[in-house]
Amino acid sequence: MFALESEDIRKTFGHFTALAGVTLNVERGEFLALFGRNGAGKTTFLKVAATLVRHTHGKLRVEGVDISDEPEKARRHIGFLSHNTYLYRDLNPVENLRFFARLYGLKEPDRRIESLLDRVGLQRRASDAVRGFSRGLHQRLGIARVMLHDPSLILLDEPYTGLDANAVEILNRMLDEAYAAGKTIILTTHDLDQGLRGATRAAIIDRGKIVANGTPAELRQRSEWAGAVTVRFGNVANGGVKPKLSQLGPVKRVEVLEEKNSGVLVRVFPRDNAKDLAGSVASLSQTEKWSLQELHTEEGRLDEVFQHYHAGHHSHPGR
């Protein structure tokens, strides 16, 4: 069973289309990083999945529960953190968490609350009203609220925004623990490094549609940005180098950058990844007895991958 299944989810606000048909399945225990530019639709999609925004068309199930038919049942599986932490400013952390514990029907939650406040580093602020908290402390308490009822599906919308280094470390540790415990995590962020730090899969949303979905390596392979190998051979004519390099299985194409009497400089583009290609090029140079003077490997950068997908997609606008 999937933790989350969405089929052709659409959402319009008047004449504005925020989601233009999102179909996305996330397996139990998976960690999905959802990337997209501002206005791409990632926040709207998470709010629909969290039952905070009603979709216009399509079906979405959480742990097999249709969110339209049984929203209350679906919410018991969901922990959602967004820019709005949904905390009450005049209450202290303990009072806030007790309130949410009652909403979820948790019995005798105080031990759980104490443990969570300790994990997010707020035990010393447990009696202080939340209105005096910084953005980072709000987010820490928000993380505790998300984890309070031990949800199986954790939805995080730009969770690193406003966090100091300490809070980032706390969030990463709690996400690692949740993933190790078999929880399903869907996280949106503009920070590629943070987003992919623990992710097993990445998806890209653009103008309200999923335009790419797979492991980071798979996304590189499907784009033109799988990296390259730049290599210089001495005392060899281009006429012999380019055809032989082109015949290598891992090679997509070969470009000649420089050709002189002293040798040739070429850039070789892989079908899969540049690391594997570099070994094949080095082996071929030995077989052909080419003088290998330099070899540089450039792996495909994920920011370039995402730019490639955004540039190549032209559907309705998202939000």
Protein backbone atom coordinates (compact mmCIF):
# COMPACT_ATOMS: atom_id res chain seq x y z
CA MET A 1 0.00 0.00 0.00
CA PHE A 2 1.12 3.55 -0.73
CA ALA A 3 1.39 6.10 2.06
CA LEU A 4 0.11 8.72 -0.36
CA GLU A 5 -1.68 8.29 -3.70
CA SER A 6 -2.80 11.26 -5.75
CA GLU A 7 -4.66 10.93 -9.03
CA ASP A 8 -5.02 13.96 -11.29
CA ILE A 9 -5.29 16.43 -8.41
CA ARG A 10 -6.40 19.84 -9.61
CA LYS A 11 -6.99 23.03 -7.69
CA THR A 12 -8.28 26.32 -9.03
CA PHE A 13 -8.77 29.64 -7.26
CA GLY A 14 -11.33 31.37 -9.45
CA HIS A 15 -9.72 31.57 -12.87
CA PHE A 16 -6.28 30.76 -11.51
CA THR A 17 -5.00 27.18 -11.80
CA ALA A 18 -2.71 26.24 -8.91
CA LEU A 19 -2.59 22.49 -9.57
CA ALA A 20 -3.07 21.26 -13.12
CA GLY A 21 -3.29 17.51 -12.56
CA VAL A 22 -0.82 16.09 -10.03
CA THR A 23 -0.46 12.32 -10.08
CA LEU A 24 2.06 11.10 -7.53
CA ASN A 25 2.40 7.88 -5.53
CA VAL A 26 4.69 7.70 -2.50
CA GLU A 27 5.47 4.33 -0.99
CA ARG A 28 5.43 3.68 2.73
CA GLY A 29 8.81 4.41 4.29
CA GLU A 30 9.95 6.61 1.40
CA PHE A 31 11.60 10.03 1.77
CA LEU A 32 10.54 12.27 -1.11
CA ALA A 33 12.02 15.73 -1.74
CA LEU A 34 9.62 17.87 -3.79
CA PHE A 35 11.31 20.75 -5.60
CA GLY A 36 9.85 23.66 -7.50
CA ARG A 37 10.18 27.37 -7.99
CA ASN A 38 8.01 29.87 -6.15
CA GLY A 39 4.53 29.51 -7.60
CA ALA A 40 5.13 25.99 -8.91
CA GLY A 41 2.34 24.44 -6.81
CA LYS A 42 4.25 22.53 -4.13
CA THR A 43 2.70 24.33 -1.12
CA THR A 44 -0.81 23.97 -2.52
CA PHE A 45 -0.26 20.27 -3.10
CA LEU A 46 0.95 19.69 0.46
CA LYS A 47 -1.99 21.63 1.86
CA VAL A 48 -4.38 19.49 -0.18
CA ALA A 49 -2.63 16.34 1.08
CA ALA A 50 -2.88 17.65 4.66
CA THR A 51 -6.65 18.25 4.18
CA LEU A 52 -6.22 21.99 4.79
CA VAL A 53 -7.27 22.95 1.25
CA ARG A 54 -10.06 21.20 -0.65
CA HIS A 55 -9.05 20.12 -4.16
CA THR A 56 -11.21 20.90 -7.17
CA HIS A 57 -10.80 17.58 -8.97
CA GLY A 58 -9.12 14.20 -8.56
CA LYS A 59 -8.58 11.72 -5.74
CA LEU A 60 -6.03 11.62 -2.95
CA ARG A 61 -5.61 8.84 -0.41
CA VAL A 62 -3.46 8.78 2.72
CA GLU A 63 -2.69 5.28 4.01
CA GLY A 64 -5.58 4.07 1.85
CA VAL A 65 -8.04 6.61 3.29
CA ASP A 66 -9.77 8.93 0.81
CA ILE A 67 -9.28 12.44 2.21
CA SER A 68 -12.59 13.62 0.73
CA ASP A 69 -14.64 10.78 2.23
CA GLU A 70 -12.91 10.48 5.62
CA PRO A 71 -10.81 13.61 6.29
CA GLU A 72 -10.74 13.14 10.08
CA LYS A 73 -9.45 9.58 9.74
CA ALA A 74 -6.82 10.70 7.22
CA ARG A 75 -5.59 13.50 9.51
CA ARG A 76 -4.68 11.01 12.24
CA HIS A 77 -1.99 9.66 9.90
CA ILE A 78 -0.61 13.10 8.98
CA GLY A 79 1.89 15.46 10.59
CA PHE A 80 2.13 18.78 8.71
CA LEU A 81 4.60 21.63 9.20
CA SER A 82 4.43 24.81 7.14
CA HIS A 83 5.34 28.48 7.49
CA ASN A 84 2.35 28.72 9.83
CA THR A 85 3.19 26.61 12.88
CA TYR A 86 -0.47 26.64 14.06
CA LEU A 87 0.65 27.45 17.61
CA TYR A 88 -1.21 29.63 20.10
CA ARG A 89 0.96 32.62 21.00
CA ASP A 90 -0.48 33.18 24.49
CA LEU A 91 0.11 29.56 25.54
CA ASN A 92 3.45 28.07 26.53
CA PRO A 93 4.91 25.00 24.78
CA VAL A 94 3.42 22.50 27.26
CA GLU A 95 -0.04 24.07 27.00
CA ASN A 96 0.15 24.13 23.21
CA LEU A 97 1.12 20.48 22.98
CA ARG A 98 -1.51 19.44 25.54
CA PHE A 99 -4.14 21.20 23.44
CA PHE A 100 -3.11 19.32 20.29
CA ALA A 101 -2.86 16.07 22.25
CA ARG A 102 -6.53 16.46 23.18
CA LEU A 103 -7.43 17.07 19.54
CA TYR A 104 -5.77 13.77 18.63
CA GLY A 105 -7.32 11.95 21.57
CA LEU A 106 -3.99 11.14 23.18
CA LYS A 107 -4.30 9.86 26.74
CA GLU A 108 -1.76 10.91 29.38
CA PRO A 109 0.45 12.81 26.90
CA ASP A 110 2.70 14.56 29.44
CA ARG A 111 5.56 12.07 29.20
CA ARG A 112 5.46 12.29 25.40
CA ILE A 113 5.39 16.10 25.58
CA GLU A 114 8.35 16.20 27.97
CA SER A 115 10.36 13.92 25.69
CA LEU A 116 9.60 15.98 22.57
CA LEU A 117 10.47 19.29 24.23
CA ASP A 118 13.77 17.78 25.29
CA ARG A 119 14.47 16.55 21.76
CA VAL A 120 13.83 19.97 20.22
CA GLY A 121 15.80 21.77 22.94
CA LEU A 122 12.89 23.66 24.49
CA GLN A 123 12.70 22.07 27.94
CA ARG A 124 14.07 25.28 29.54
CA ARG A 125 11.42 27.38 27.76
CA ALA A 126 8.53 25.08 28.60
CA SER A 127 6.82 27.69 30.78
CA ASP A 128 7.38 30.70 28.51
CA ALA A 129 4.61 32.09 26.33
CA VAL A 130 5.19 31.35 22.66
CA ARG A 131 4.63 35.02 21.70
CA GLY A 132 8.20 35.75 22.85
CA PHE A 133 9.77 33.04 20.69
CA SER A 134 11.94 33.72 17.67
CA ARG A 135 11.06 32.23 14.27
CA GLY A 136 13.54 29.43 14.89
CA LEU A 137 12.02 28.54 18.27
CA HIS A 138 8.54 28.61 16.75
CA GLN A 139 9.71 26.09 14.16
CA ARG A 140 11.25 23.87 16.84
CA LEU A 141 7.96 23.75 18.71
CA GLY A 142 6.18 23.21 15.41
CA ILE A 143 8.36 20.15 14.83
CA ALA A 144 7.34 18.81 18.25
CA ARG A 145 3.67 19.40 17.37
CA VAL A 146 4.09 17.50 14.09
CA MET A 147 5.61 14.49 15.86
CA LEU A 148 3.25 14.55 18.87
CA HIS A 149 0.73 11.94 17.67
CA ASP A 150 3.38 9.76 15.99
CA PRO A 151 2.09 10.24 12.40
CA SER A 152 2.96 7.76 9.67
CA LEU A 153 3.09 10.49 6.97
CA ILE A 154 5.13 13.64 7.67
CA LEU A 155 4.59 16.62 5.34
CA LEU A 156 7.10 19.48 5.60
CA ASP A 157 6.75 22.68 3.60
CA GLU A 158 10.05 24.59 3.49
CA PRO A 159 10.90 23.46 7.04
CA TYR A 160 14.42 24.96 7.04
CA THR A 161 13.20 28.54 6.58
CA GLY A 162 14.25 30.67 9.54
CA LEU A 163 16.11 27.89 11.36
CA ASP A 164 19.50 28.52 12.92
CA ALA A 165 22.25 25.91 12.64
CA ASN A 166 21.21 24.29 15.92
CA ALA A 167 17.60 23.94 14.82
CA VAL A 168 18.65 22.56 11.42
CA GLU A 169 20.66 19.88 13.21
CA ILE A 170 17.69 19.04 15.45
CA LEU A 171 15.31 18.80 12.48
CA ASN A 172 17.73 16.63 10.50
CA ARG A 173 18.21 14.30 13.45
CA MET A 174 14.46 13.93 13.99
CA LEU A 175 13.88 13.28 10.29
CA ASP A 176 16.62 10.64 10.29
CA GLU A 177 14.98 8.98 13.30
CA ALA A 178 11.54 9.14 11.69
CA TYR A 179 12.82 7.64 8.43
CA ALA A 180 14.66 4.88 10.33
CA ALA A 181 11.38 4.11 12.13
CA GLY A 182 9.63 3.55 8.80
CA LYS A 183 7.80 6.89 8.55
CA THR A 184 7.03 8.38 5.14
CA ILE A 185 8.39 11.90 4.59
CA ILE A 186 7.53 14.45 1.90
CA LEU A 187 9.58 17.63 2.10
CA THR A 188 9.58 20.75 -0.05
CA THR A 189 12.54 23.11 -0.04
CA HIS A 190 14.56 25.50 -2.20
CA ASP A 191 17.76 24.17 -0.63
CA LEU A 192 18.98 21.33 -2.84
CA ASP A 193 21.60 20.11 -0.40
CA GLN A 194 19.19 19.95 2.54
CA GLY A 195 16.39 18.52 0.43
CA LEU A 196 18.47 15.69 -0.94
CA ARG A 197 20.41 15.04 2.27
CA GLY A 198 18.17 12.16 3.30
CA ALA A 199 15.84 11.81 0.33
CA THR A 200 15.47 8.49 -1.47
CA ARG A 201 13.55 10.11 -4.33
CA ALA A 202 13.07 13.56 -5.80
CA ALA A 203 10.22 15.05 -7.79
CA ILE A 204 9.96 18.37 -9.59
CA ILE A 205 6.70 20.30 -9.84
CA ASP A 206 6.31 23.11 -12.33
CA ARG A 207 3.20 25.12 -13.18
CA GLY A 208 1.01 22.77 -11.23
CA LYS A 209 2.25 19.48 -12.69
CA ILE A 210 4.88 16.90 -11.82
CA VAL A 211 7.44 17.17 -14.62
CA ALA A 212 10.04 14.73 -13.26
CA ASN A 213 10.09 11.97 -10.67
CA GLY A 214 12.86 9.54 -9.71
CA THR A 215 16.11 9.16 -7.82
CA PRO A 216 18.61 12.02 -8.21
CA ALA A 217 20.70 9.80 -10.49
CA GLU A 218 17.67 8.99 -12.66
CA LEU A 219 16.82 12.67 -13.04
CA ARG A 220 20.35 13.36 -14.23
CA GLN A 221 20.08 10.55 -16.79
CA ARG A 222 16.80 11.82 -18.23
CA SER A 223 18.12 15.34 -18.74
CA GLU A 224 20.99 16.71 -20.75
CA TRP A 225 22.92 17.30 -17.54
CA ALA A 226 24.45 13.92 -16.71
CA GLY A 227 27.86 15.58 -16.53
CA ALA A 228 30.86 15.30 -18.83
CA VAL A 229 34.45 14.12 -19.11
CA THR A 230 36.99 16.56 -20.53
CA VAL A 231 40.13 14.84 -21.77
CA ARG A 232 43.31 15.89 -23.58
CA PHE A 233 45.28 13.46 -25.71
CA GLY A 234 48.77 14.32 -26.94
CA ASN A 235 50.29 13.46 -30.31
CA VAL A 236 47.08 12.08 -31.76
CA ALA A 237 44.86 13.33 -34.56
CA ASN A 238 41.19 14.08 -33.99
CA GLY A 239 40.27 11.93 -36.97
CA GLY A 240 40.99 8.83 -34.91
CA VAL A 241 39.84 9.99 -31.49
CA LYS A 242 36.28 11.20 -31.99
CA PRO A 243 34.96 8.14 -33.90
CA LYS A 244 36.43 5.67 -31.42
CA LEU A 245 35.15 7.60 -28.38
CA SER A 246 31.71 7.82 -30.00
CA GLN A 247 31.58 4.03 -30.23
CA LEU A 248 31.92 3.57 -26.48
CA GLY A 249 28.68 2.28 -24.98
CA PRO A 250 28.39 4.91 -22.20
CA VAL A 251 28.92 7.83 -24.62
CA LYS A 252 26.05 10.07 -25.74
CA ARG A 253 28.12 12.47 -27.85
CA VAL A 254 31.64 13.88 -28.30
CA GLU A 255 32.62 17.51 -28.84
CA VAL A 256 36.06 18.61 -30.04
CA LEU A 257 37.10 21.67 -28.04
CA GLU A 258 40.62 22.17 -29.37
CA GLU A 259 42.71 20.55 -32.08
CA LYS A 260 46.42 21.21 -32.59
CA ASN A 261 49.43 19.38 -33.95
CA SER A 262 50.36 18.58 -30.36
CA GLY A 263 47.05 16.82 -29.69
CA VAL A 264 43.32 17.17 -29.19
CA LEU A 265 41.05 18.32 -26.37
CA VAL A 266 37.57 16.75 -26.32
CA ARG A 267 34.51 16.80 -24.09
CA VAL A 268 32.65 13.52 -23.82
CA PHE A 269 29.03 13.42 -22.62
CA PRO A 270 27.75 10.26 -20.91
CA ARG A 271 24.45 8.43 -21.26
CA ASP A 272 24.34 7.72 -17.53
CA ASN A 273 26.98 9.34 -15.33
CA ALA A 274 30.38 10.90 -15.82
CA LYS A 275 32.21 8.78 -13.23
CA ASP A 276 31.57 5.52 -15.09
CA LEU A 277 32.44 7.16 -18.40
CA ALA A 278 35.82 8.39 -17.14
CA GLY A 279 36.96 4.80 -16.55
CA SER A 280 35.89 3.75 -20.05
CA VAL A 281 37.75 6.67 -21.63
CA ALA A 282 40.93 5.90 -19.68
CA SER A 283 40.74 2.21 -20.67
CA LEU A 284 40.28 3.11 -24.34
CA SER A 285 43.31 5.42 -24.26
CA GLN A 286 45.46 2.54 -22.98
CA THR A 287 44.14 0.16 -25.63
CA GLU A 288 44.74 2.68 -28.42
CA LYS A 289 48.06 3.81 -26.90
CA TRP A 290 46.95 7.44 -26.84
CA SER A 291 48.97 9.80 -24.69
CA LEU A 292 46.50 10.76 -21.95
CA GLN A 293 47.66 14.17 -20.69
CA GLU A 294 44.68 15.24 -18.57
CA LEU A 295 41.22 14.02 -17.63
CA HIS A 296 38.58 15.97 -15.67
CA THR A 297 35.21 14.63 -14.55
CA GLU A 298 32.27 16.95 -14.05
CA GLU A 299 29.20 15.30 -12.56
CA GLY A 300 25.78 16.64 -13.46
CA ARG A 301 24.75 19.36 -11.02
CA LEU A 302 21.22 18.96 -9.73
CA ASP A 303 20.47 22.68 -9.95
CA GLU A 304 21.19 22.43 -13.68
CA VAL A 305 18.97 19.35 -13.88
CA PHE A 306 16.09 21.27 -12.30
CA GLN A 307 16.64 24.26 -14.59
CA HIS A 308 16.52 21.87 -17.54
CA TYR A 309 13.15 20.46 -16.50
CA HIS A 310 11.69 23.88 -15.73
CA ALA A 311 12.85 25.30 -19.04
CA GLY A 312 11.42 22.38 -20.99
CA HIS A 313 7.95 22.36 -19.41
CA HIS A 314 5.11 24.56 -20.62
CA SER A 315 1.82 23.85 -18.89
CA HIS A 316 -0.66 25.89 -16.86
CA PRO A 317 0.63 28.10 -14.07
CA GLY A 318 0.82 26.84 -10.51
CA ARG A 319 1.12 28.30 -7.08
